[in-house]
Each structure stands twice: as structure tokens, then as C-alpha cells.
Amino acid sequence: MPERASTGSSPHPLIAGVDEAGRGPLAGPVVAAAVILDPRRPIVGLADSKTLKAERREFLATRIREQALAVTVAVVGPETIDRINILQATLQAMRSAIEQLDPRPLLVRVDGNRAPRVEVPVQTVIGGDRSDRAIAAASIIAKTHRDALMLALHARFPEYGFDRHKGYPTPAHLEALERLGPTPAHRKSFRPVRQARLFD
């Protein structure tokens, strides 16, 4: 197990990167991840998860989990998303991921322009998954974790094609939703799902 970075006179303070996956889909959870990288164990190839092929994301996710000082994940499901809305659900997931971190960071950097309320200083970074290595690492962890959850949902509801579109509103997904109606995994507060419910 790597030695933890010093929070005293070290030139590398404990900074966590935070990102989410799954704000836009019609089904499945929103997932947030927080990562504190170890400056003495650099990981080559970190980038915005959306720019990486699935195999590369999985490879990097394994490296991140092996070499980072801390990696946490938090999941908020469709029922909570429907109850408190997707923005609040995303902030809740981010807050939970941050609060699980050990060691505790001195600073948290969050992708985007909205930050959860936590007991450590937070910076928002628009485009942070492209410019900040820790945020990029968090984006990879969040994306791969959510994709695995969507594959599990595909095993339960194979006719919806969750293995392909991961719950996003593709034409194939919208067609299945209209034809079959929503599953328990769908976000009932999202307009295409509400409209499909009129016919179920």
C-alpha cells in the first residue's frame, strides 16, 4: 500500500478531483466519483472518459484504483432522481463521494459550474475532465462504474438495449420505451418517460 502524501510541507497537497456520469440518460442512476491521485505514481493517458474507447477506460480505471491515494464512488438511483431532480441528485452523489474520501483532501475540484456543499474548500472547473488529471480520473471511474450498472440492468431488461445506449435517449431506446413502456429503472420525471407512461 503506498505511503500517503504529507499534508504539511509537501509540494503536492491532497487535492481530489470529482466528476459524474449519467445526468442525461432516461434510465439508470447518476454516479459520482472522487479521486486523489498519488503524485509519486503518475498514470499515463488520463483524459476525459468520453474521449476514450471502452477498453481504454477499463484499463485506466484499473490503474487508477491500484495507484491513486483514494478512490470513492456514490450512486443515486432513479427514485431519488425523480424525487429531488437530477441536479440535486448529482450534487448528493458528489457530496457522498467526497465525504467517503480517506485521506481527507485539502481541496476538491469539481467538473462543471455547480458544486456540492461539503466541509472542505471546493473549486468548480468548467471542462475540468479535459484539463485536470484528478477530475479526468474521476470521470473514468464514474463512467466505468455506471456502465457496469447499466450492463446489469441490460441483463434484467434485455429488450431495451441498455448495453448499447446505457440509458441515453437514442432512437432505439425511445422506440423501445414507446413500445414497451418504462421499467422500474427509468426516470419517471423525464419527459420522454412521462410521455411513454401515458400509453402503458
N, C-alpha and C. Protein backbone atom coordinates (compact mmCIF):
# COMPACT_ATOMS: atom_id res chain seq x y z
N MET A 1 0.86 -1.19 0.00
CA MET A 1 0.00 0.00 0.00
C MET A 1 0.89 1.24 0.00
N PRO A 2 0.63 2.22 -0.90
CA PRO A 2 1.52 3.38 -0.98
C PRO A 2 1.43 4.24 0.26
N GLU A 3 2.54 4.88 0.57
CA GLU A 3 2.55 5.83 1.68
C GLU A 3 1.72 7.04 1.30
N ARG A 4 0.96 7.55 2.23
CA ARG A 4 0.11 8.69 1.95
C ARG A 4 0.92 9.97 1.85
N ALA A 5 0.47 10.85 0.95
CA ALA A 5 1.16 12.13 0.80
C ALA A 5 1.01 12.96 2.05
N SER A 6 2.06 13.68 2.39
CA SER A 6 2.01 14.57 3.55
C SER A 6 1.11 15.77 3.25
N THR A 7 0.37 16.21 4.26
CA THR A 7 -0.45 17.41 4.09
C THR A 7 0.25 18.64 4.66
N GLY A 8 1.50 18.49 5.10
CA GLY A 8 2.21 19.61 5.70
C GLY A 8 2.99 20.39 4.67
N SER A 9 4.32 20.20 4.64
CA SER A 9 5.16 20.99 3.76
C SER A 9 5.31 20.38 2.37
N SER A 10 4.56 19.32 2.09
CA SER A 10 4.66 18.67 0.79
C SER A 10 4.29 19.62 -0.32
N PRO A 11 5.01 19.60 -1.46
CA PRO A 11 4.63 20.43 -2.61
C PRO A 11 3.40 19.88 -3.31
N HIS A 12 2.90 18.73 -2.91
CA HIS A 12 1.75 18.09 -3.53
C HIS A 12 0.63 17.92 -2.49
N PRO A 13 -0.15 18.95 -2.23
CA PRO A 13 -1.24 18.81 -1.27
C PRO A 13 -2.28 17.83 -1.77
N LEU A 14 -3.09 17.35 -0.85
CA LEU A 14 -4.12 16.38 -1.20
C LEU A 14 -5.27 17.09 -1.89
N ILE A 15 -5.35 16.93 -3.19
CA ILE A 15 -6.41 17.54 -4.00
C ILE A 15 -7.22 16.43 -4.64
N ALA A 16 -8.53 16.49 -4.45
CA ALA A 16 -9.42 15.49 -5.03
C ALA A 16 -10.09 16.05 -6.28
N GLY A 17 -10.20 15.20 -7.28
CA GLY A 17 -10.98 15.52 -8.47
C GLY A 17 -12.32 14.80 -8.40
N VAL A 18 -13.39 15.45 -8.80
CA VAL A 18 -14.74 14.89 -8.72
C VAL A 18 -15.45 15.07 -10.06
N ASP A 19 -16.12 14.03 -10.50
CA ASP A 19 -16.93 14.12 -11.72
C ASP A 19 -18.08 13.14 -11.61
N GLU A 20 -19.04 13.29 -12.51
CA GLU A 20 -20.22 12.43 -12.51
C GLU A 20 -20.43 11.81 -13.88
N ALA A 21 -21.25 10.78 -13.90
CA ALA A 21 -21.70 10.17 -15.15
C ALA A 21 -23.18 9.88 -15.01
N GLY A 22 -23.93 10.19 -16.07
CA GLY A 22 -25.33 9.79 -16.08
C GLY A 22 -26.34 10.86 -15.77
N ARG A 23 -26.03 12.11 -16.05
CA ARG A 23 -27.05 13.14 -15.83
C ARG A 23 -28.11 13.11 -16.93
N GLY A 24 -27.71 12.81 -18.16
CA GLY A 24 -28.62 12.92 -19.29
C GLY A 24 -29.49 11.73 -19.62
N PRO A 25 -29.18 10.51 -19.19
CA PRO A 25 -29.96 9.34 -19.58
C PRO A 25 -31.40 9.38 -19.06
N LEU A 26 -32.24 8.58 -19.69
CA LEU A 26 -33.62 8.41 -19.26
C LEU A 26 -33.77 7.30 -18.24
N ALA A 27 -32.72 6.50 -18.06
CA ALA A 27 -32.81 5.34 -17.17
C ALA A 27 -31.49 5.15 -16.43
N GLY A 28 -31.58 4.46 -15.31
CA GLY A 28 -30.40 4.15 -14.53
C GLY A 28 -30.02 5.27 -13.58
N PRO A 29 -28.99 5.04 -12.78
CA PRO A 29 -28.60 6.01 -11.75
C PRO A 29 -27.68 7.09 -12.29
N VAL A 30 -27.47 8.11 -11.47
CA VAL A 30 -26.36 9.02 -11.68
C VAL A 30 -25.26 8.59 -10.72
N VAL A 31 -24.01 8.61 -11.20
CA VAL A 31 -22.87 8.11 -10.44
C VAL A 31 -21.83 9.22 -10.33
N ALA A 32 -21.31 9.44 -9.14
CA ALA A 32 -20.21 10.39 -8.94
C ALA A 32 -19.00 9.65 -8.39
N ALA A 33 -17.84 10.12 -8.78
CA ALA A 33 -16.59 9.54 -8.28
C ALA A 33 -15.68 10.66 -7.80
N ALA A 34 -14.87 10.35 -6.81
CA ALA A 34 -13.85 11.27 -6.30
C ALA A 34 -12.51 10.54 -6.27
N VAL A 35 -11.47 11.20 -6.73
CA VAL A 35 -10.15 10.57 -6.82
C VAL A 35 -9.08 11.53 -6.31
N ILE A 36 -8.21 11.01 -5.47
CA ILE A 36 -6.99 11.73 -5.08
C ILE A 36 -5.82 10.96 -5.69
N LEU A 37 -5.16 11.56 -6.65
CA LEU A 37 -4.03 10.90 -7.30
C LEU A 37 -2.78 10.98 -6.44
N ASP A 38 -1.90 10.01 -6.62
CA ASP A 38 -0.61 9.99 -5.93
C ASP A 38 0.43 10.58 -6.88
N PRO A 39 1.02 11.75 -6.56
CA PRO A 39 1.98 12.36 -7.49
C PRO A 39 3.23 11.51 -7.69
N ARG A 40 3.49 10.56 -6.78
CA ARG A 40 4.66 9.70 -6.92
C ARG A 40 4.37 8.47 -7.77
N ARG A 41 3.10 8.29 -8.16
CA ARG A 41 2.73 7.15 -9.01
C ARG A 41 1.86 7.67 -10.16
N PRO A 42 2.45 8.42 -11.08
CA PRO A 42 1.67 9.01 -12.17
C PRO A 42 1.07 7.95 -13.08
N ILE A 43 -0.10 8.28 -13.60
CA ILE A 43 -0.82 7.40 -14.51
C ILE A 43 -0.84 8.05 -15.88
N VAL A 44 -0.28 7.38 -16.86
CA VAL A 44 -0.19 7.92 -18.21
C VAL A 44 -1.51 7.70 -18.95
N GLY A 45 -1.96 8.73 -19.66
CA GLY A 45 -3.12 8.57 -20.53
C GLY A 45 -4.44 9.03 -19.97
N LEU A 46 -4.44 9.67 -18.81
CA LEU A 46 -5.70 10.15 -18.24
C LEU A 46 -6.31 11.21 -19.15
N ALA A 47 -7.60 11.07 -19.40
CA ALA A 47 -8.31 12.01 -20.28
C ALA A 47 -9.79 11.94 -19.96
N ASP A 48 -10.54 12.87 -20.50
CA ASP A 48 -11.99 12.86 -20.37
C ASP A 48 -12.51 11.50 -20.81
N SER A 49 -13.30 10.85 -19.97
CA SER A 49 -13.76 9.48 -20.26
C SER A 49 -14.52 9.41 -21.57
N LYS A 50 -15.19 10.51 -21.97
CA LYS A 50 -15.99 10.48 -23.20
C LYS A 50 -15.12 10.39 -24.44
N THR A 51 -13.82 10.71 -24.32
CA THR A 51 -12.92 10.66 -25.48
C THR A 51 -12.20 9.33 -25.60
N LEU A 52 -12.42 8.43 -24.64
CA LEU A 52 -11.69 7.16 -24.61
C LEU A 52 -12.59 6.00 -25.04
N LYS A 53 -11.99 5.03 -25.72
CA LYS A 53 -12.71 3.82 -26.04
C LYS A 53 -12.95 3.00 -24.77
N ALA A 54 -13.97 2.16 -24.80
CA ALA A 54 -14.37 1.42 -23.60
C ALA A 54 -13.22 0.60 -23.03
N GLU A 55 -12.46 -0.06 -23.88
CA GLU A 55 -11.36 -0.90 -23.39
C GLU A 55 -10.31 -0.06 -22.70
N ARG A 56 -10.03 1.12 -23.25
CA ARG A 56 -9.04 2.00 -22.65
C ARG A 56 -9.54 2.54 -21.31
N ARG A 57 -10.83 2.88 -21.25
CA ARG A 57 -11.39 3.34 -19.97
C ARG A 57 -11.25 2.27 -18.90
N GLU A 58 -11.56 1.03 -19.25
CA GLU A 58 -11.47 -0.04 -18.26
C GLU A 58 -10.04 -0.25 -17.79
N PHE A 59 -9.09 -0.18 -18.71
CA PHE A 59 -7.68 -0.32 -18.36
C PHE A 59 -7.27 0.79 -17.39
N LEU A 60 -7.63 2.03 -17.73
CA LEU A 60 -7.24 3.15 -16.89
C LEU A 60 -7.95 3.11 -15.54
N ALA A 61 -9.21 2.66 -15.52
CA ALA A 61 -9.92 2.56 -14.25
C ALA A 61 -9.20 1.61 -13.30
N THR A 62 -8.70 0.51 -13.84
CA THR A 62 -7.94 -0.43 -13.01
C THR A 62 -6.66 0.21 -12.48
N ARG A 63 -5.97 0.93 -13.35
CA ARG A 63 -4.74 1.60 -12.92
C ARG A 63 -5.04 2.65 -11.84
N ILE A 64 -6.11 3.40 -12.03
CA ILE A 64 -6.47 4.43 -11.05
C ILE A 64 -6.74 3.79 -9.69
N ARG A 65 -7.52 2.72 -9.68
CA ARG A 65 -7.84 2.06 -8.42
C ARG A 65 -6.60 1.49 -7.75
N GLU A 66 -5.64 1.06 -8.54
CA GLU A 66 -4.41 0.49 -7.99
C GLU A 66 -3.43 1.54 -7.48
N GLN A 67 -3.38 2.70 -8.13
CA GLN A 67 -2.30 3.64 -7.88
C GLN A 67 -2.72 4.95 -7.21
N ALA A 68 -3.99 5.26 -7.18
CA ALA A 68 -4.41 6.51 -6.55
C ALA A 68 -4.36 6.37 -5.03
N LEU A 69 -4.28 7.51 -4.36
CA LEU A 69 -4.33 7.51 -2.90
C LEU A 69 -5.72 7.19 -2.38
N ALA A 70 -6.74 7.62 -3.11
CA ALA A 70 -8.11 7.35 -2.70
C ALA A 70 -9.02 7.38 -3.92
N VAL A 71 -9.98 6.45 -3.94
CA VAL A 71 -11.00 6.39 -4.99
C VAL A 71 -12.32 6.05 -4.32
N THR A 72 -13.33 6.89 -4.52
CA THR A 72 -14.65 6.61 -3.96
C THR A 72 -15.70 6.79 -5.05
N VAL A 73 -16.83 6.10 -4.86
CA VAL A 73 -17.94 6.17 -5.80
C VAL A 73 -19.24 6.27 -5.01
N ALA A 74 -20.18 7.06 -5.51
CA ALA A 74 -21.50 7.15 -4.91
C ALA A 74 -22.55 7.08 -6.02
N VAL A 75 -23.64 6.39 -5.73
CA VAL A 75 -24.69 6.12 -6.71
C VAL A 75 -26.02 6.64 -6.16
N VAL A 76 -26.76 7.37 -6.99
CA VAL A 76 -28.11 7.82 -6.64
C VAL A 76 -29.05 7.31 -7.71
N GLY A 77 -30.07 6.57 -7.29
CA GLY A 77 -30.94 5.87 -8.22
C GLY A 77 -32.10 6.68 -8.75
N PRO A 78 -32.85 6.09 -9.69
CA PRO A 78 -33.94 6.80 -10.36
C PRO A 78 -35.02 7.34 -9.43
N GLU A 79 -35.37 6.60 -8.39
CA GLU A 79 -36.43 7.08 -7.49
C GLU A 79 -36.04 8.39 -6.81
N THR A 80 -34.79 8.47 -6.38
CA THR A 80 -34.32 9.71 -5.76
C THR A 80 -34.20 10.82 -6.79
N ILE A 81 -33.73 10.49 -7.98
CA ILE A 81 -33.67 11.49 -9.06
C ILE A 81 -35.05 12.08 -9.31
N ASP A 82 -36.07 11.22 -9.36
CA ASP A 82 -37.42 11.71 -9.59
C ASP A 82 -37.93 12.56 -8.43
N ARG A 83 -37.49 12.25 -7.23
CA ARG A 83 -37.99 12.96 -6.06
C ARG A 83 -37.35 14.33 -5.88
N ILE A 84 -36.03 14.42 -6.14
CA ILE A 84 -35.33 15.67 -5.81
C ILE A 84 -34.79 16.39 -7.04
N ASN A 85 -34.89 15.84 -8.20
CA ASN A 85 -34.45 16.30 -9.52
C ASN A 85 -32.99 15.91 -9.78
N ILE A 86 -32.62 15.92 -11.06
CA ILE A 86 -31.32 15.36 -11.45
C ILE A 86 -30.16 16.21 -10.94
N LEU A 87 -30.31 17.53 -10.90
CA LEU A 87 -29.22 18.36 -10.39
C LEU A 87 -28.95 18.05 -8.93
N GLN A 88 -29.99 18.04 -8.11
CA GLN A 88 -29.81 17.78 -6.69
C GLN A 88 -29.30 16.36 -6.45
N ALA A 89 -29.76 15.41 -7.26
CA ALA A 89 -29.27 14.03 -7.13
C ALA A 89 -27.79 13.95 -7.47
N THR A 90 -27.36 14.70 -8.49
CA THR A 90 -25.95 14.72 -8.86
C THR A 90 -25.11 15.32 -7.74
N LEU A 91 -25.56 16.43 -7.17
CA LEU A 91 -24.83 17.06 -6.06
C LEU A 91 -24.79 16.14 -4.85
N GLN A 92 -25.88 15.40 -4.61
CA GLN A 92 -25.90 14.46 -3.50
C GLN A 92 -24.88 13.35 -3.70
N ALA A 93 -24.79 12.84 -4.93
CA ALA A 93 -23.81 11.79 -5.22
C ALA A 93 -22.39 12.33 -5.05
N MET A 94 -22.14 13.53 -5.55
CA MET A 94 -20.81 14.12 -5.39
C MET A 94 -20.46 14.31 -3.92
N ARG A 95 -21.40 14.83 -3.15
CA ARG A 95 -21.16 15.05 -1.72
C ARG A 95 -20.82 13.73 -1.02
N SER A 96 -21.56 12.68 -1.34
CA SER A 96 -21.31 11.38 -0.73
C SER A 96 -19.94 10.84 -1.10
N ALA A 97 -19.56 10.99 -2.38
CA ALA A 97 -18.24 10.51 -2.80
C ALA A 97 -17.13 11.26 -2.08
N ILE A 98 -17.28 12.58 -1.94
CA ILE A 98 -16.27 13.38 -1.26
C ILE A 98 -16.17 12.99 0.21
N GLU A 99 -17.30 12.81 0.86
CA GLU A 99 -17.30 12.52 2.29
C GLU A 99 -16.70 11.15 2.61
N GLN A 100 -16.65 10.26 1.63
CA GLN A 100 -16.05 8.94 1.84
C GLN A 100 -14.53 8.95 1.73
N LEU A 101 -13.95 10.03 1.21
CA LEU A 101 -12.52 10.04 0.92
C LEU A 101 -11.67 9.88 2.18
N ASP A 102 -10.68 9.04 2.09
CA ASP A 102 -9.69 8.83 3.15
C ASP A 102 -8.36 8.55 2.47
N PRO A 103 -7.40 9.48 2.54
CA PRO A 103 -7.32 10.65 3.41
C PRO A 103 -8.27 11.78 2.98
N ARG A 104 -8.52 12.66 3.91
CA ARG A 104 -9.37 13.82 3.65
C ARG A 104 -8.60 14.83 2.80
N PRO A 105 -9.20 15.30 1.71
CA PRO A 105 -8.49 16.26 0.85
C PRO A 105 -8.44 17.66 1.47
N LEU A 106 -7.46 18.43 1.06
CA LEU A 106 -7.39 19.84 1.44
C LEU A 106 -8.20 20.71 0.50
N LEU A 107 -8.44 20.20 -0.71
CA LEU A 107 -9.18 20.93 -1.74
C LEU A 107 -9.88 19.93 -2.63
N VAL A 108 -11.08 20.27 -3.06
CA VAL A 108 -11.83 19.45 -4.01
C VAL A 108 -12.05 20.27 -5.27
N ARG A 109 -11.78 19.67 -6.41
CA ARG A 109 -12.03 20.32 -7.70
C ARG A 109 -13.09 19.52 -8.43
N VAL A 110 -14.18 20.19 -8.80
CA VAL A 110 -15.36 19.54 -9.38
C VAL A 110 -15.53 19.98 -10.83
N ASP A 111 -15.78 19.03 -11.71
CA ASP A 111 -16.05 19.37 -13.10
C ASP A 111 -17.38 20.11 -13.21
N GLY A 112 -17.40 21.19 -14.00
CA GLY A 112 -18.64 21.92 -14.23
C GLY A 112 -18.69 23.22 -13.45
N ASN A 113 -19.90 23.73 -13.28
CA ASN A 113 -20.06 25.02 -12.62
C ASN A 113 -20.94 24.97 -11.37
N ARG A 114 -21.28 23.76 -10.92
CA ARG A 114 -22.07 23.60 -9.70
C ARG A 114 -21.34 22.67 -8.76
N ALA A 115 -21.28 23.03 -7.50
CA ALA A 115 -20.53 22.24 -6.52
C ALA A 115 -21.41 21.86 -5.35
N PRO A 116 -21.19 20.68 -4.79
CA PRO A 116 -21.93 20.30 -3.58
C PRO A 116 -21.40 21.05 -2.38
N ARG A 117 -22.24 21.15 -1.35
CA ARG A 117 -21.80 21.77 -0.10
C ARG A 117 -21.12 20.71 0.75
N VAL A 118 -19.83 20.89 0.99
CA VAL A 118 -19.06 19.96 1.81
C VAL A 118 -18.17 20.78 2.74
N GLU A 119 -17.51 20.09 3.67
CA GLU A 119 -16.75 20.78 4.71
C GLU A 119 -15.29 21.02 4.31
N VAL A 120 -14.99 20.93 3.03
CA VAL A 120 -13.65 21.27 2.55
C VAL A 120 -13.81 22.28 1.41
N PRO A 121 -12.78 23.08 1.15
CA PRO A 121 -12.87 24.04 0.05
C PRO A 121 -13.11 23.34 -1.29
N VAL A 122 -13.95 23.96 -2.14
CA VAL A 122 -14.30 23.39 -3.43
C VAL A 122 -14.09 24.42 -4.52
N GLN A 123 -13.48 23.98 -5.61
CA GLN A 123 -13.38 24.79 -6.82
C GLN A 123 -14.18 24.10 -7.93
N THR A 124 -14.92 24.89 -8.71
CA THR A 124 -15.55 24.34 -9.90
C THR A 124 -14.65 24.64 -11.09
N VAL A 125 -14.58 23.68 -12.01
CA VAL A 125 -13.70 23.80 -13.18
C VAL A 125 -14.50 23.41 -14.42
N ILE A 126 -14.89 24.39 -15.20
CA ILE A 126 -15.60 24.08 -16.44
C ILE A 126 -14.63 23.41 -17.40
N GLY A 127 -15.03 22.26 -17.93
CA GLY A 127 -14.13 21.48 -18.77
C GLY A 127 -13.02 20.80 -18.00
N GLY A 128 -13.24 20.61 -16.70
CA GLY A 128 -12.21 20.04 -15.84
C GLY A 128 -11.80 18.63 -16.22
N ASP A 129 -12.73 17.85 -16.83
CA ASP A 129 -12.36 16.49 -17.21
C ASP A 129 -11.35 16.48 -18.35
N ARG A 130 -11.14 17.64 -18.99
CA ARG A 130 -10.14 17.74 -20.04
C ARG A 130 -8.84 18.41 -19.56
N SER A 131 -8.93 19.20 -18.48
CA SER A 131 -7.78 19.99 -18.07
C SER A 131 -7.15 19.57 -16.75
N ASP A 132 -7.85 18.79 -15.95
CA ASP A 132 -7.38 18.42 -14.62
C ASP A 132 -7.27 16.89 -14.54
N ARG A 133 -6.09 16.41 -14.18
CA ARG A 133 -5.86 14.96 -14.21
C ARG A 133 -6.72 14.22 -13.19
N ALA A 134 -6.90 14.78 -12.00
CA ALA A 134 -7.71 14.11 -10.99
C ALA A 134 -9.17 14.06 -11.39
N ILE A 135 -9.66 15.16 -12.00
CA ILE A 135 -11.04 15.15 -12.47
C ILE A 135 -11.20 14.16 -13.61
N ALA A 136 -10.22 14.11 -14.51
CA ALA A 136 -10.26 13.12 -15.60
C ALA A 136 -10.31 11.70 -15.03
N ALA A 137 -9.52 11.45 -14.00
CA ALA A 137 -9.54 10.13 -13.37
C ALA A 137 -10.91 9.84 -12.77
N ALA A 138 -11.51 10.84 -12.14
CA ALA A 138 -12.85 10.67 -11.57
C ALA A 138 -13.87 10.40 -12.66
N SER A 139 -13.72 11.06 -13.80
CA SER A 139 -14.67 10.84 -14.90
C SER A 139 -14.58 9.41 -15.40
N ILE A 140 -13.38 8.86 -15.43
CA ILE A 140 -13.19 7.47 -15.88
C ILE A 140 -13.81 6.50 -14.88
N ILE A 141 -13.58 6.73 -13.61
CA ILE A 141 -14.15 5.85 -12.59
C ILE A 141 -15.68 5.91 -12.61
N ALA A 142 -16.24 7.13 -12.68
CA ALA A 142 -17.69 7.26 -12.69
C ALA A 142 -18.30 6.58 -13.91
N LYS A 143 -17.70 6.80 -15.08
CA LYS A 143 -18.23 6.24 -16.32
C LYS A 143 -18.17 4.72 -16.31
N THR A 144 -17.04 4.15 -15.93
CA THR A 144 -16.92 2.69 -15.96
C THR A 144 -17.83 2.05 -14.92
N HIS A 145 -17.98 2.68 -13.76
CA HIS A 145 -18.85 2.13 -12.73
C HIS A 145 -20.30 2.16 -13.21
N ARG A 146 -20.71 3.28 -13.79
CA ARG A 146 -22.09 3.37 -14.26
C ARG A 146 -22.34 2.39 -15.42
N ASP A 147 -21.39 2.27 -16.32
CA ASP A 147 -21.56 1.33 -17.44
C ASP A 147 -21.79 -0.09 -16.92
N ALA A 148 -21.06 -0.47 -15.88
CA ALA A 148 -21.24 -1.81 -15.31
C ALA A 148 -22.64 -1.96 -14.73
N LEU A 149 -23.15 -0.91 -14.09
CA LEU A 149 -24.51 -0.97 -13.56
C LEU A 149 -25.54 -1.09 -14.69
N MET A 150 -25.30 -0.40 -15.80
CA MET A 150 -26.22 -0.47 -16.93
C MET A 150 -26.18 -1.85 -17.61
N LEU A 151 -25.03 -2.49 -17.60
CA LEU A 151 -24.96 -3.86 -18.13
C LEU A 151 -25.76 -4.81 -17.26
N ALA A 152 -25.76 -4.58 -15.95
CA ALA A 152 -26.58 -5.39 -15.06
C ALA A 152 -28.06 -5.15 -15.33
N LEU A 153 -28.44 -3.90 -15.62
CA LEU A 153 -29.82 -3.62 -15.97
C LEU A 153 -30.18 -4.26 -17.31
N HIS A 154 -29.23 -4.32 -18.23
CA HIS A 154 -29.49 -4.98 -19.51
C HIS A 154 -29.83 -6.45 -19.30
N ALA A 155 -29.16 -7.07 -18.34
CA ALA A 155 -29.46 -8.49 -18.07
C ALA A 155 -30.89 -8.66 -17.57
N ARG A 156 -31.42 -7.67 -16.90
CA ARG A 156 -32.81 -7.73 -16.40
C ARG A 156 -33.82 -7.34 -17.47
N PHE A 157 -33.44 -6.38 -18.32
CA PHE A 157 -34.37 -5.85 -19.32
C PHE A 157 -33.68 -5.82 -20.69
N PRO A 158 -33.38 -6.98 -21.26
CA PRO A 158 -32.57 -7.01 -22.49
C PRO A 158 -33.23 -6.35 -23.69
N GLU A 159 -34.55 -6.28 -23.70
CA GLU A 159 -35.24 -5.73 -24.87
C GLU A 159 -35.05 -4.22 -25.02
N TYR A 160 -34.52 -3.55 -24.00
CA TYR A 160 -34.34 -2.10 -24.07
C TYR A 160 -32.98 -1.68 -24.63
N GLY A 161 -32.03 -2.60 -24.69
CA GLY A 161 -30.72 -2.28 -25.26
C GLY A 161 -29.83 -1.43 -24.38
N PHE A 162 -29.97 -1.56 -23.05
CA PHE A 162 -29.14 -0.76 -22.16
C PHE A 162 -27.65 -1.02 -22.35
N ASP A 163 -27.28 -2.18 -22.87
CA ASP A 163 -25.87 -2.47 -23.10
C ASP A 163 -25.28 -1.60 -24.19
N ARG A 164 -26.11 -1.08 -25.06
CA ARG A 164 -25.63 -0.26 -26.17
C ARG A 164 -25.70 1.24 -25.84
N HIS A 165 -26.85 1.70 -25.39
CA HIS A 165 -27.02 3.15 -25.22
C HIS A 165 -26.88 3.62 -23.77
N LYS A 166 -26.79 2.68 -22.83
CA LYS A 166 -26.58 2.99 -21.41
C LYS A 166 -27.66 3.91 -20.83
N GLY A 167 -28.86 3.86 -21.43
CA GLY A 167 -29.96 4.63 -20.92
C GLY A 167 -30.15 5.98 -21.58
N TYR A 168 -29.23 6.38 -22.44
CA TYR A 168 -29.38 7.67 -23.12
C TYR A 168 -30.51 7.60 -24.15
N PRO A 169 -31.09 8.75 -24.50
CA PRO A 169 -32.28 8.76 -25.37
C PRO A 169 -31.96 8.59 -26.85
N THR A 170 -31.41 7.46 -27.22
CA THR A 170 -31.17 7.16 -28.62
C THR A 170 -32.49 6.80 -29.30
N PRO A 171 -32.54 6.83 -30.64
CA PRO A 171 -33.77 6.42 -31.32
C PRO A 171 -34.22 5.01 -30.94
N ALA A 172 -33.28 4.08 -30.80
CA ALA A 172 -33.63 2.71 -30.43
C ALA A 172 -34.23 2.65 -29.03
N HIS A 173 -33.68 3.43 -28.12
CA HIS A 173 -34.20 3.45 -26.76
C HIS A 173 -35.60 4.07 -26.73
N LEU A 174 -35.77 5.17 -27.45
CA LEU A 174 -37.07 5.83 -27.47
C LEU A 174 -38.14 4.92 -28.10
N GLU A 175 -37.74 4.16 -29.10
CA GLU A 175 -38.68 3.24 -29.74
C GLU A 175 -39.09 2.14 -28.76
N ALA A 176 -38.12 1.59 -28.05
CA ALA A 176 -38.42 0.54 -27.07
C ALA A 176 -39.28 1.09 -25.95
N LEU A 177 -39.01 2.30 -25.53
CA LEU A 177 -39.78 2.92 -24.46
C LEU A 177 -41.23 3.12 -24.88
N GLU A 178 -41.43 3.58 -26.11
CA GLU A 178 -42.79 3.78 -26.61
C GLU A 178 -43.53 2.46 -26.78
N ARG A 179 -42.79 1.45 -27.22
CA ARG A 179 -43.41 0.16 -27.49
C ARG A 179 -43.68 -0.64 -26.21
N LEU A 180 -42.77 -0.58 -25.26
CA LEU A 180 -42.84 -1.45 -24.09
C LEU A 180 -43.24 -0.72 -22.80
N GLY A 181 -43.12 0.61 -22.81
CA GLY A 181 -43.35 1.34 -21.58
C GLY A 181 -42.10 1.36 -20.71
N PRO A 182 -42.11 2.14 -19.65
CA PRO A 182 -40.93 2.27 -18.80
C PRO A 182 -40.74 1.08 -17.86
N THR A 183 -39.49 0.86 -17.48
CA THR A 183 -39.12 -0.13 -16.48
C THR A 183 -38.99 0.58 -15.13
N PRO A 184 -38.81 -0.16 -14.05
CA PRO A 184 -38.52 0.49 -12.76
C PRO A 184 -37.21 1.28 -12.76
N ALA A 185 -36.35 1.00 -13.73
CA ALA A 185 -35.07 1.71 -13.81
C ALA A 185 -35.19 3.05 -14.52
N HIS A 186 -36.33 3.34 -15.13
CA HIS A 186 -36.49 4.59 -15.84
C HIS A 186 -36.80 5.75 -14.89
N ARG A 187 -36.40 6.94 -15.31
CA ARG A 187 -36.63 8.15 -14.54
C ARG A 187 -37.98 8.72 -14.94
N LYS A 188 -38.97 8.52 -14.11
CA LYS A 188 -40.35 8.86 -14.45
C LYS A 188 -40.57 10.36 -14.62
N SER A 189 -39.69 11.19 -14.07
CA SER A 189 -39.84 12.64 -14.17
C SER A 189 -39.29 13.20 -15.48
N PHE A 190 -38.59 12.38 -16.26
CA PHE A 190 -38.04 12.85 -17.52
C PHE A 190 -39.12 12.78 -18.60
N ARG A 191 -39.21 13.80 -19.43
CA ARG A 191 -40.35 13.96 -20.34
C ARG A 191 -40.61 12.75 -21.23
N PRO A 192 -39.62 12.18 -21.93
CA PRO A 192 -39.94 11.03 -22.79
C PRO A 192 -40.51 9.84 -22.01
N VAL A 193 -40.09 9.69 -20.76
CA VAL A 193 -40.61 8.60 -19.94
C VAL A 193 -42.03 8.93 -19.49
N ARG A 194 -42.28 10.17 -19.09
CA ARG A 194 -43.63 10.59 -18.73
C ARG A 194 -44.59 10.38 -19.90
N GLN A 195 -44.15 10.73 -21.09
CA GLN A 195 -45.00 10.58 -22.26
C GLN A 195 -45.26 9.11 -22.56
N ALA A 196 -44.26 8.25 -22.38
CA ALA A 196 -44.45 6.82 -22.63
C ALA A 196 -45.44 6.22 -21.63
N ARG A 197 -45.44 6.76 -20.43
CA ARG A 197 -46.33 6.21 -19.39
C ARG A 197 -47.82 6.45 -19.74
N LEU A 198 -48.08 7.42 -20.59
CA LEU A 198 -49.45 7.67 -20.98
C LEU A 198 -50.06 6.49 -21.74
N PHE A 199 -49.15 5.66 -22.30
CA PHE A 199 -49.62 4.58 -23.15
C PHE A 199 -49.43 3.21 -22.51
N ASP A 200 -48.90 3.15 -21.27
CA ASP A 200 -48.68 1.83 -20.67
C ASP A 200 -49.93 1.35 -19.92
